[in-house]
Amino acid sequence: MNLGKGIIDICNIRGISQKDLAAKTGLSITFHSLLENNLRNPSMETLDKIAEVLKVPVPIIFWFSLTDSDIKPERLKFYNQYKEKINYLIHNIFI
C-alpha cells in the first residue's frame, strides 16, 4: 500500500497542492512531504483530516493507495480487469 501515492493522486485530481493541503489540514508541509514519500504513517485522525479536505471518504484514499503487491496473486487478474471500471465509478461518485 502506498498511501503517499493515493493522497498525491487525489490531490492532483482535485487541483490541491501540497502547500494547500498542509494549510487546510493544519499539518506541516514537512509532514505532508514525509507522508507522500511514505516515510511516515498517518494516524486515522490524520487520514480523517486529509479525507475531509479532499472531500472523499477515507476508503477512497486506501483504494488509490493499492499496489499490485497488495493483491493476492490469484486475484490480480480480476483486480486489473476491474480497476479502471472502479476508478471510473469513484471519479463519478466521489470526485
PDB file of N, CA and C in Angstrom:
ATOM      1  N   MET A   1       0.857  -1.174   0.000  1.00  0.00           N
ATOM      2  CA  MET A   1       0.000   0.000   0.000  1.00  0.00           C
ATOM      3  C   MET A   1       0.899   1.232   0.000  1.00  0.00           C
ATOM      4  N   ASN A   2       0.531   2.162  -0.825  1.00  0.00           N
ATOM      5  CA  ASN A   2       1.317   3.379  -0.968  1.00  0.00           C
ATOM      6  C   ASN A   2       0.400   4.577  -0.691  1.00  0.00           C
ATOM      7  N   LEU A   3       0.205   4.887   0.596  1.00  0.00           N
ATOM      8  CA  LEU A   3      -0.696   5.978   0.974  1.00  0.00           C
ATOM      9  C   LEU A   3      -0.269   7.312   0.380  1.00  0.00           C
ATOM     10  N   GLY A   4       1.028   7.531   0.306  1.00  0.00           N
ATOM     11  CA  GLY A   4       1.524   8.778  -0.279  1.00  0.00           C
ATOM     12  C   GLY A   4       1.036   8.961  -1.703  1.00  0.00           C
ATOM     13  N   LYS A   5       1.133   7.905  -2.505  1.00  0.00           N
ATOM     14  CA  LYS A   5       0.678   7.965  -3.888  1.00  0.00           C
ATOM     15  C   LYS A   5      -0.829   8.214  -3.954  1.00  0.00           C
ATOM     16  N   GLY A   6      -1.567   7.541  -3.083  1.00  0.00           N
ATOM     17  CA  GLY A   6      -3.019   7.731  -3.063  1.00  0.00           C
ATOM     18  C   GLY A   6      -3.397   9.172  -2.773  1.00  0.00           C
ATOM     19  N   ILE A   7      -2.731   9.768  -1.805  1.00  0.00           N
ATOM     20  CA  ILE A   7      -3.001  11.164  -1.450  1.00  0.00           C
ATOM     21  C   ILE A   7      -2.599  12.091  -2.589  1.00  0.00           C
ATOM     22  N   ILE A   8      -1.437  11.855  -3.160  1.00  0.00           N
ATOM     23  CA  ILE A   8      -0.964  12.682  -4.282  1.00  0.00           C
ATOM     24  C   ILE A   8      -1.930  12.588  -5.455  1.00  0.00           C
ATOM     25  N   ASP A   9      -2.373  11.376  -5.779  1.00  0.00           N
ATOM     26  CA  ASP A   9      -3.289  11.200  -6.915  1.00  0.00           C
ATOM     27  C   ASP A   9      -4.582  11.984  -6.712  1.00  0.00           C
ATOM     28  N   ILE A  10      -5.142  11.906  -5.524  1.00  0.00           N
ATOM     29  CA  ILE A  10      -6.398  12.621  -5.265  1.00  0.00           C
ATOM     30  C   ILE A  10      -6.158  14.126  -5.249  1.00  0.00           C
ATOM     31  N   CYS A  11      -5.045  14.560  -4.675  1.00  0.00           N
ATOM     32  CA  CYS A  11      -4.709  15.996  -4.700  1.00  0.00           C
ATOM     33  C   CYS A  11      -4.604  16.487  -6.142  1.00  0.00           C
ATOM     34  N   ASN A  12      -3.956  15.717  -6.988  1.00  0.00           N
ATOM     35  CA  ASN A  12      -3.815  16.108  -8.399  1.00  0.00           C
ATOM     36  C   ASN A  12      -5.170  16.203  -9.082  1.00  0.00           C
ATOM     37  N   ILE A  13      -6.033  15.249  -8.816  1.00  0.00           N
ATOM     38  CA  ILE A  13      -7.379  15.268  -9.394  1.00  0.00           C
ATOM     39  C   ILE A  13      -8.143  16.496  -8.908  1.00  0.00           C
ATOM     40  N   ARG A  14      -8.012  16.806  -7.632  1.00  0.00           N
ATOM     41  CA  ARG A  14      -8.719  17.941  -7.026  1.00  0.00           C
ATOM     42  C   ARG A  14      -8.037  19.287  -7.294  1.00  0.00           C
ATOM     43  N   GLY A  15      -6.787  19.255  -7.773  1.00  0.00           N
ATOM     44  CA  GLY A  15      -6.059  20.501  -8.007  1.00  0.00           C
ATOM     45  C   GLY A  15      -5.591  21.154  -6.719  1.00  0.00           C
ATOM     46  N   ILE A  16      -5.267  20.328  -5.733  1.00  0.00           N
ATOM     47  CA  ILE A  16      -4.820  20.831  -4.428  1.00  0.00           C
ATOM     48  C   ILE A  16      -3.319  20.578  -4.307  1.00  0.00           C
ATOM     49  N   SER A  17      -2.570  21.625  -4.028  1.00  0.00           N
ATOM     50  CA  SER A  17      -1.117  21.481  -3.870  1.00  0.00           C
ATOM     51  C   SER A  17      -0.803  20.952  -2.477  1.00  0.00           C
ATOM     52  N   GLN A  18       0.422  20.485  -2.313  1.00  0.00           N
ATOM     53  CA  GLN A  18       0.890  20.025  -1.015  1.00  0.00           C
ATOM     54  C   GLN A  18       0.790  21.159   0.011  1.00  0.00           C
ATOM     55  N   LYS A  19       1.138  22.355  -0.418  1.00  0.00           N
ATOM     56  CA  LYS A  19       1.072  23.522   0.468  1.00  0.00           C
ATOM     57  C   LYS A  19      -0.371  23.787   0.900  1.00  0.00           C
ATOM     58  N   ASP A  20      -1.313  23.739  -0.043  1.00  0.00           N
ATOM     59  CA  ASP A  20      -2.723  23.946   0.285  1.00  0.00           C
ATOM     60  C   ASP A  20      -3.245  22.863   1.223  1.00  0.00           C
ATOM     61  N   LEU A  21      -2.873  21.625   0.936  1.00  0.00           N
ATOM     62  CA  LEU A  21      -3.319  20.523   1.790  1.00  0.00           C
ATOM     63  C   LEU A  21      -2.789  20.697   3.205  1.00  0.00           C
ATOM     64  N   ALA A  22      -1.531  21.067   3.319  1.00  0.00           N
ATOM     65  CA  ALA A  22      -0.935  21.293   4.638  1.00  0.00           C
ATOM     66  C   ALA A  22      -1.666  22.407   5.381  1.00  0.00           C
ATOM     67  N   ALA A  23      -1.921  23.496   4.697  1.00  0.00           N
ATOM     68  CA  ALA A  23      -2.605  24.628   5.337  1.00  0.00           C
ATOM     69  C   ALA A  23      -4.012  24.246   5.785  1.00  0.00           C
ATOM     70  N   LYS A  24      -4.724  23.502   4.951  1.00  0.00           N
ATOM     71  CA  LYS A  24      -6.111  23.155   5.265  1.00  0.00           C
ATOM     72  C   LYS A  24      -6.243  22.057   6.313  1.00  0.00           C
ATOM     73  N   THR A  25      -5.220  21.216   6.432  1.00  0.00           N
ATOM     74  CA  THR A  25      -5.265  20.167   7.457  1.00  0.00           C
ATOM     75  C   THR A  25      -4.640  20.618   8.766  1.00  0.00           C
ATOM     76  N   GLY A  26      -3.887  21.723   8.714  1.00  0.00           N
ATOM     77  CA  GLY A  26      -3.200  22.198   9.910  1.00  0.00           C
ATOM     78  C   GLY A  26      -1.939  21.411  10.218  1.00  0.00           C
ATOM     79  N   LEU A  27      -1.482  20.644   9.245  1.00  0.00           N
ATOM     80  CA  LEU A  27      -0.257  19.863   9.399  1.00  0.00           C
ATOM     81  C   LEU A  27       0.850  20.529   8.596  1.00  0.00           C
ATOM     82  N   SER A  28       2.083  20.297   8.969  1.00  0.00           N
ATOM     83  CA  SER A  28       3.191  20.972   8.289  1.00  0.00           C
ATOM     84  C   SER A  28       3.439  20.415   6.889  1.00  0.00           C
ATOM     85  N   ILE A  29       4.024  21.247   6.054  1.00  0.00           N
ATOM     86  CA  ILE A  29       4.416  20.806   4.711  1.00  0.00           C
ATOM     87  C   ILE A  29       5.434  19.674   4.828  1.00  0.00           C
ATOM     88  N   THR A  30       6.324  19.785   5.798  1.00  0.00           N
ATOM     89  CA  THR A  30       7.327  18.735   6.008  1.00  0.00           C
ATOM     90  C   THR A  30       6.649  17.404   6.306  1.00  0.00           C
ATOM     91  N   PHE A  31       5.645  17.427   7.177  1.00  0.00           N
ATOM     92  CA  PHE A  31       4.921  16.194   7.500  1.00  0.00           C
ATOM     93  C   PHE A  31       4.263  15.623   6.250  1.00  0.00           C
ATOM     94  N   HIS A  32       3.619  16.484   5.463  1.00  0.00           N
ATOM     95  CA  HIS A  32       2.964  16.010   4.238  1.00  0.00           C
ATOM     96  C   HIS A  32       3.984  15.442   3.262  1.00  0.00           C
ATOM     97  N   SER A  33       5.137  16.055   3.176  1.00  0.00           N
ATOM     98  CA  SER A  33       6.189  15.549   2.308  1.00  0.00           C
ATOM     99  C   SER A  33       6.621  14.148   2.754  1.00  0.00           C
ATOM    100  N   LEU A  34       6.821  13.981   4.054  1.00  0.00           N
ATOM    101  CA  LEU A  34       7.194  12.665   4.582  1.00  0.00           C
ATOM    102  C   LEU A  34       6.099  11.642   4.325  1.00  0.00           C
ATOM    103  N   LEU A  35       4.861  12.059   4.490  1.00  0.00           N
ATOM    104  CA  LEU A  35       3.716  11.193   4.258  1.00  0.00           C
ATOM    105  C   LEU A  35       3.639  10.780   2.789  1.00  0.00           C
ATOM    106  N   GLU A  36       3.780  11.749   1.902  1.00  0.00           N
ATOM    107  CA  GLU A  36       3.671  11.474   0.473  1.00  0.00           C
ATOM    108  C   GLU A  36       4.836  10.641  -0.051  1.00  0.00           C
ATOM    109  N   ASN A  37       5.949  10.657   0.666  1.00  0.00           N
ATOM    110  CA  ASN A  37       7.100   9.830   0.289  1.00  0.00           C
ATOM    111  C   ASN A  37       7.159   8.530   1.094  1.00  0.00           C
ATOM    112  N   ASN A  38       6.070   8.227   1.786  1.00  0.00           N
ATOM    113  CA  ASN A  38       5.930   7.008   2.587  1.00  0.00           C
ATOM    114  C   ASN A  38       7.010   6.858   3.649  1.00  0.00           C
ATOM    115  N   LEU A  39       7.424   7.983   4.204  1.00  0.00           N
ATOM    116  CA  LEU A  39       8.401   7.961   5.284  1.00  0.00           C
ATOM    117  C   LEU A  39       7.727   8.115   6.652  1.00  0.00           C
ATOM    118  N   ARG A  40       6.435   8.399   6.632  1.00  0.00           N
ATOM    119  CA  ARG A  40       5.613   8.489   7.850  1.00  0.00           C
ATOM    120  C   ARG A  40       4.300   7.776   7.578  1.00  0.00           C
ATOM    121  N   ASN A  41       3.774   7.152   8.609  1.00  0.00           N
ATOM    122  CA  ASN A  41       2.452   6.537   8.526  1.00  0.00           C
ATOM    123  C   ASN A  41       1.472   7.422   9.275  1.00  0.00           C
ATOM    124  N   PRO A  42       0.411   7.837   8.619  1.00  0.00           N
ATOM    125  CA  PRO A  42      -0.542   8.725   9.291  1.00  0.00           C
ATOM    126  C   PRO A  42      -1.441   7.962  10.255  1.00  0.00           C
ATOM    127  N   SER A  43      -1.872   8.647  11.269  1.00  0.00           N
ATOM    128  CA  SER A  43      -2.880   8.082  12.169  1.00  0.00           C
ATOM    129  C   SER A  43      -4.234   8.167  11.467  1.00  0.00           C
ATOM    130  N   MET A  44      -5.215   7.478  11.995  1.00  0.00           N
ATOM    131  CA  MET A  44      -6.560   7.578  11.415  1.00  0.00           C
ATOM    132  C   MET A  44      -7.092   9.004  11.550  1.00  0.00           C
ATOM    133  N   GLU A  45      -6.737   9.672  12.625  1.00  0.00           N
ATOM    134  CA  GLU A  45      -7.157  11.066  12.808  1.00  0.00           C
ATOM    135  C   GLU A  45      -6.595  11.941  11.682  1.00  0.00           C
ATOM    136  N   THR A  46      -5.333  11.721  11.342  1.00  0.00           N
ATOM    137  CA  THR A  46      -4.704  12.477  10.256  1.00  0.00           C
ATOM    138  C   THR A  46      -5.359  12.136   8.916  1.00  0.00           C
ATOM    139  N   LEU A  47      -5.606  10.851   8.689  1.00  0.00           N
ATOM    140  CA  LEU A  47      -6.277  10.458   7.442  1.00  0.00           C
ATOM    141  C   LEU A  47      -7.676  11.069   7.361  1.00  0.00           C
ATOM    142  N   ASP A  48      -8.362  11.140   8.496  1.00  0.00           N
ATOM    143  CA  ASP A  48      -9.688  11.782   8.515  1.00  0.00           C
ATOM    144  C   ASP A  48      -9.589  13.249   8.108  1.00  0.00           C
ATOM    145  N   LYS A  49      -8.580  13.955   8.613  1.00  0.00           N
ATOM    146  CA  LYS A  49      -8.382  15.366   8.248  1.00  0.00           C
ATOM    147  C   LYS A  49      -8.112  15.509   6.750  1.00  0.00           C
ATOM    148  N   ILE A  50      -7.232  14.669   6.248  1.00  0.00           N
ATOM    149  CA  ILE A  50      -6.871  14.727   4.828  1.00  0.00           C
ATOM    150  C   ILE A  50      -8.091  14.411   3.968  1.00  0.00           C
ATOM    151  N   ALA A  51      -8.823  13.365   4.342  1.00  0.00           N
ATOM    152  CA  ALA A  51     -10.019  12.981   3.584  1.00  0.00           C
ATOM    153  C   ALA A  51     -11.058  14.099   3.590  1.00  0.00           C
ATOM    154  N   GLU A  52     -11.194  14.766   4.713  1.00  0.00           N
ATOM    155  CA  GLU A  52     -12.153  15.866   4.811  1.00  0.00           C
ATOM    156  C   GLU A  52     -11.774  16.993   3.843  1.00  0.00           C
ATOM    157  N   VAL A  53     -10.498  17.340   3.801  1.00  0.00           N
ATOM    158  CA  VAL A  53     -10.041  18.399   2.891  1.00  0.00           C
ATOM    159  C   VAL A  53     -10.205  17.959   1.430  1.00  0.00           C
ATOM    160  N   LEU A  54      -9.908  16.694   1.152  1.00  0.00           N
ATOM    161  CA  LEU A  54     -10.014  16.189  -0.223  1.00  0.00           C
ATOM    162  C   LEU A  54     -11.459  15.867  -0.606  1.00  0.00           C
ATOM    163  N   LYS A  55     -12.355  15.909   0.381  1.00  0.00           N
ATOM    164  CA  LYS A  55     -13.783  15.654   0.173  1.00  0.00           C
ATOM    165  C   LYS A  55     -14.035  14.256  -0.386  1.00  0.00           C
ATOM    166  N   VAL A  56     -13.353  13.288   0.225  1.00  0.00           N
ATOM    167  CA  VAL A  56     -13.557  11.877  -0.119  1.00  0.00           C
ATOM    168  C   VAL A  56     -13.591  11.069   1.174  1.00  0.00           C
ATOM    169  N   PRO A  57     -14.279   9.937   1.176  1.00  0.00           N
ATOM    170  CA  PRO A  57     -14.193   9.048   2.338  1.00  0.00           C
ATOM    171  C   PRO A  57     -12.791   8.436   2.423  1.00  0.00           C
ATOM    172  N   VAL A  58     -12.348   8.131   3.622  1.00  0.00           N
ATOM    173  CA  VAL A  58     -11.021   7.539   3.822  1.00  0.00           C
ATOM    174  C   VAL A  58     -10.811   6.293   2.951  1.00  0.00           C
ATOM    175  N   PRO A  59     -11.811   5.401   2.804  1.00  0.00           N
ATOM    176  CA  PRO A  59     -11.567   4.224   1.964  1.00  0.00           C
ATOM    177  C   PRO A  59     -11.168   4.558   0.517  1.00  0.00           C
ATOM    178  N   ILE A  60     -11.556   5.723   0.028  1.00  0.00           N
ATOM    179  CA  ILE A  60     -11.158   6.116  -1.325  1.00  0.00           C
ATOM    180  C   ILE A  60      -9.647   6.373  -1.356  1.00  0.00           C
ATOM    181  N   ILE A  61      -9.116   6.948  -0.293  1.00  0.00           N
ATOM    182  CA  ILE A  61      -7.659   7.131  -0.211  1.00  0.00           C
ATOM    183  C   ILE A  61      -6.982   5.762  -0.235  1.00  0.00           C
ATOM    184  N   PHE A  62      -7.536   4.811   0.519  1.00  0.00           N
ATOM    185  CA  PHE A  62      -6.960   3.466   0.522  1.00  0.00           C
ATOM    186  C   PHE A  62      -7.028   2.832  -0.869  1.00  0.00           C
ATOM    187  N   TRP A  63      -8.139   3.027  -1.569  1.00  0.00           N
ATOM    188  CA  TRP A  63      -8.270   2.455  -2.917  1.00  0.00           C
ATOM    189  C   TRP A  63      -7.169   2.992  -3.840  1.00  0.00           C
ATOM    190  N   PHE A  64      -6.966   4.305  -3.825  1.00  0.00           N
ATOM    191  CA  PHE A  64      -5.947   4.909  -4.681  1.00  0.00           C
ATOM    192  C   PHE A  64      -4.532   4.536  -4.227  1.00  0.00           C
ATOM    193  N   SER A  65      -4.412   4.001  -3.027  1.00  0.00           N
ATOM    194  CA  SER A  65      -3.109   3.626  -2.476  1.00  0.00           C
ATOM    195  C   SER A  65      -2.720   2.178  -2.768  1.00  0.00           C
ATOM    196  N   LEU A  66      -3.661   1.400  -3.279  1.00  0.00           N
ATOM    197  CA  LEU A  66      -3.370  -0.006  -3.550  1.00  0.00           C
ATOM    198  C   LEU A  66      -2.278  -0.158  -4.607  1.00  0.00           C
ATOM    199  N   THR A  67      -1.434  -1.144  -4.398  1.00  0.00           N
ATOM    200  CA  THR A  67      -0.437  -1.527  -5.394  1.00  0.00           C
ATOM    201  C   THR A  67      -0.675  -3.000  -5.732  1.00  0.00           C
ATOM    202  N   ASP A  68      -0.108  -3.447  -6.823  1.00  0.00           N
ATOM    203  CA  ASP A  68      -0.286  -4.846  -7.212  1.00  0.00           C
ATOM    204  C   ASP A  68       0.165  -5.799  -6.113  1.00  0.00           C
ATOM    205  N   SER A  69       1.163  -5.426  -5.345  1.00  0.00           N
ATOM    206  CA  SER A  69       1.660  -6.311  -4.285  1.00  0.00           C
ATOM    207  C   SER A  69       0.669  -6.451  -3.123  1.00  0.00           C
ATOM    208  N   ASP A  70      -0.340  -5.576  -3.069  1.00  0.00           N
ATOM    209  CA  ASP A  70      -1.371  -5.683  -2.036  1.00  0.00           C
ATOM    210  C   ASP A  70      -2.428  -6.725  -2.389  1.00  0.00           C
ATOM    211  N   ILE A  71      -2.458  -7.129  -3.638  1.00  0.00           N
ATOM    212  CA  ILE A  71      -3.473  -8.050  -4.137  1.00  0.00           C
ATOM    213  C   ILE A  71      -2.895  -9.460  -4.178  1.00  0.00           C
ATOM    214  N   LYS A  72      -3.664 -10.415  -3.716  1.00  0.00           N
ATOM    215  CA  LYS A  72      -3.220 -11.806  -3.784  1.00  0.00           C
ATOM    216  C   LYS A  72      -2.960 -12.170  -5.244  1.00  0.00           C
ATOM    217  N   PRO A  73      -1.875 -12.863  -5.521  1.00  0.00           N
ATOM    218  CA  PRO A  73      -1.534 -13.189  -6.914  1.00  0.00           C
ATOM    219  C   PRO A  73      -2.674 -13.848  -7.684  1.00  0.00           C
ATOM    220  N   GLU A  74      -3.435 -14.710  -7.026  1.00  0.00           N
ATOM    221  CA  GLU A  74      -4.528 -15.397  -7.727  1.00  0.00           C
ATOM    222  C   GLU A  74      -5.716 -14.471  -8.016  1.00  0.00           C
ATOM    223  N   ARG A  75      -5.716 -13.277  -7.436  1.00  0.00           N
ATOM    224  CA  ARG A  75      -6.805 -12.315  -7.675  1.00  0.00           C
ATOM    225  C   ARG A  75      -6.352 -11.107  -8.503  1.00  0.00           C
ATOM    226  N   LEU A  76      -5.083 -11.055  -8.841  1.00  0.00           N
ATOM    227  CA  LEU A  76      -4.531  -9.904  -9.547  1.00  0.00           C
ATOM    228  C   LEU A  76      -5.168  -9.702 -10.924  1.00  0.00           C
ATOM    229  N   LYS A  77      -5.421 -10.778 -11.638  1.00  0.00           N
ATOM    230  CA  LYS A  77      -6.056 -10.662 -12.952  1.00  0.00           C
ATOM    231  C   LYS A  77      -7.443 -10.019 -12.817  1.00  0.00           C
ATOM    232  N   PHE A  78      -8.215 -10.463 -11.845  1.00  0.00           N
ATOM    233  CA  PHE A  78      -9.537  -9.910 -11.588  1.00  0.00           C
ATOM    234  C   PHE A  78      -9.442  -8.436 -11.210  1.00  0.00           C
ATOM    235  N   TYR A  79      -8.510  -8.111 -10.312  1.00  0.00           N
ATOM    236  CA  TYR A  79      -8.285  -6.725  -9.892  1.00  0.00           C
ATOM    237  C   TYR A  79      -7.965  -5.836 -11.095  1.00  0.00           C
ATOM    238  N   ASN A  80      -7.029  -6.269 -11.904  1.00  0.00           N
ATOM    239  CA  ASN A  80      -6.635  -5.471 -13.076  1.00  0.00           C
ATOM    240  C   ASN A  80      -7.763  -5.346 -14.088  1.00  0.00           C
ATOM    241  N   GLN A  81      -8.587  -6.368 -14.172  1.00  0.00           N
ATOM    242  CA  GLN A  81      -9.717  -6.350 -15.101  1.00  0.00           C
ATOM    243  C   GLN A  81     -10.743  -5.288 -14.704  1.00  0.00           C
ATOM    244  N   TYR A  82     -10.930  -5.074 -13.419  1.00  0.00           N
ATOM    245  CA  TYR A  82     -11.982  -4.161 -12.948  1.00  0.00           C
ATOM    246  C   TYR A  82     -11.485  -2.841 -12.377  1.00  0.00           C
ATOM    247  N   LYS A  83     -10.179  -2.687 -12.227  1.00  0.00           N
ATOM    248  CA  LYS A  83      -9.630  -1.484 -11.604  1.00  0.00           C
ATOM    249  C   LYS A  83     -10.084  -0.206 -12.321  1.00  0.00           C
ATOM    250  N   GLU A  84      -9.985  -0.157 -13.619  1.00  0.00           N
ATOM    251  CA  GLU A  84     -10.368   1.052 -14.360  1.00  0.00           C
ATOM    252  C   GLU A  84     -11.865   1.340 -14.248  1.00  0.00           C
ATOM    253  N   LYS A  85     -12.674   0.304 -14.237  1.00  0.00           N
ATOM    254  CA  LYS A  85     -14.119   0.492 -14.087  1.00  0.00           C
ATOM    255  C   LYS A  85     -14.447   1.045 -12.701  1.00  0.00           C
ATOM    256  N   ILE A  86     -13.766   0.526 -11.692  1.00  0.00           N
ATOM    257  CA  ILE A  86     -13.984   1.017 -10.338  1.00  0.00           C
ATOM    258  C   ILE A  86     -13.492   2.455 -10.220  1.00  0.00           C
ATOM    259  N   ASN A  87     -12.348   2.762 -10.815  1.00  0.00           N
ATOM    260  CA  ASN A  87     -11.856   4.147 -10.808  1.00  0.00           C
ATOM    261  C   ASN A  87     -12.857   5.080 -11.476  1.00  0.00           C
ATOM    262  N   TYR A  88     -13.447   4.639 -12.573  1.00  0.00           N
ATOM    263  CA  TYR A  88     -14.456   5.438 -13.272  1.00  0.00           C
ATOM    264  C   TYR A  88     -15.638   5.732 -12.337  1.00  0.00           C
ATOM    265  N   LEU A  89     -16.121   4.711 -11.633  1.00  0.00           N
ATOM    266  CA  LEU A  89     -17.225   4.913 -10.696  1.00  0.00           C
ATOM    267  C   LEU A  89     -16.835   5.866  -9.568  1.00  0.00           C
ATOM    268  N   ILE A  90     -15.644   5.677  -9.024  1.00  0.00           N
ATOM    269  CA  ILE A  90     -15.189   6.545  -7.938  1.00  0.00           C
ATOM    270  C   ILE A  90     -15.124   7.995  -8.398  1.00  0.00           C
ATOM    271  N   HIS A  91     -14.581   8.219  -9.585  1.00  0.00           N
ATOM    272  CA  HIS A  91     -14.498   9.592 -10.107  1.00  0.00           C
ATOM    273  C   HIS A  91     -15.877  10.220 -10.264  1.00  0.00           C
ATOM    274  N   ASN A  92     -16.832   9.420 -10.724  1.00  0.00           N
ATOM    275  CA  ASN A  92     -18.165   9.951 -10.956  1.00  0.00           C
ATOM    276  C   ASN A  92     -18.999  10.105  -9.695  1.00  0.00           C
ATOM    277  N   ILE A  93     -18.668   9.362  -8.677  1.00  0.00           N
ATOM    278  CA  ILE A  93     -19.441   9.440  -7.425  1.00  0.00           C
ATOM    279  C   ILE A  93     -18.778  10.375  -6.417  1.00  0.00           C
ATOM    280  N   PHE A  94     -17.464  10.273  -6.247  1.00  0.00           N
ATOM    281  CA  PHE A  94     -16.794  10.983  -5.154  1.00  0.00           C
ATOM    282  C   PHE A  94     -15.931  12.156  -5.577  1.00  0.00           C
ATOM    283  N   ILE A  95     -15.482  12.168  -6.823  1.00  0.00           N
ATOM    284  CA  ILE A  95     -14.500  13.182  -7.190  1.00  0.00           C
ATOM    285  C   ILE A  95     -15.029  14.123  -8.242  1.00  0.00           C
TER     286      ILE A  95
END
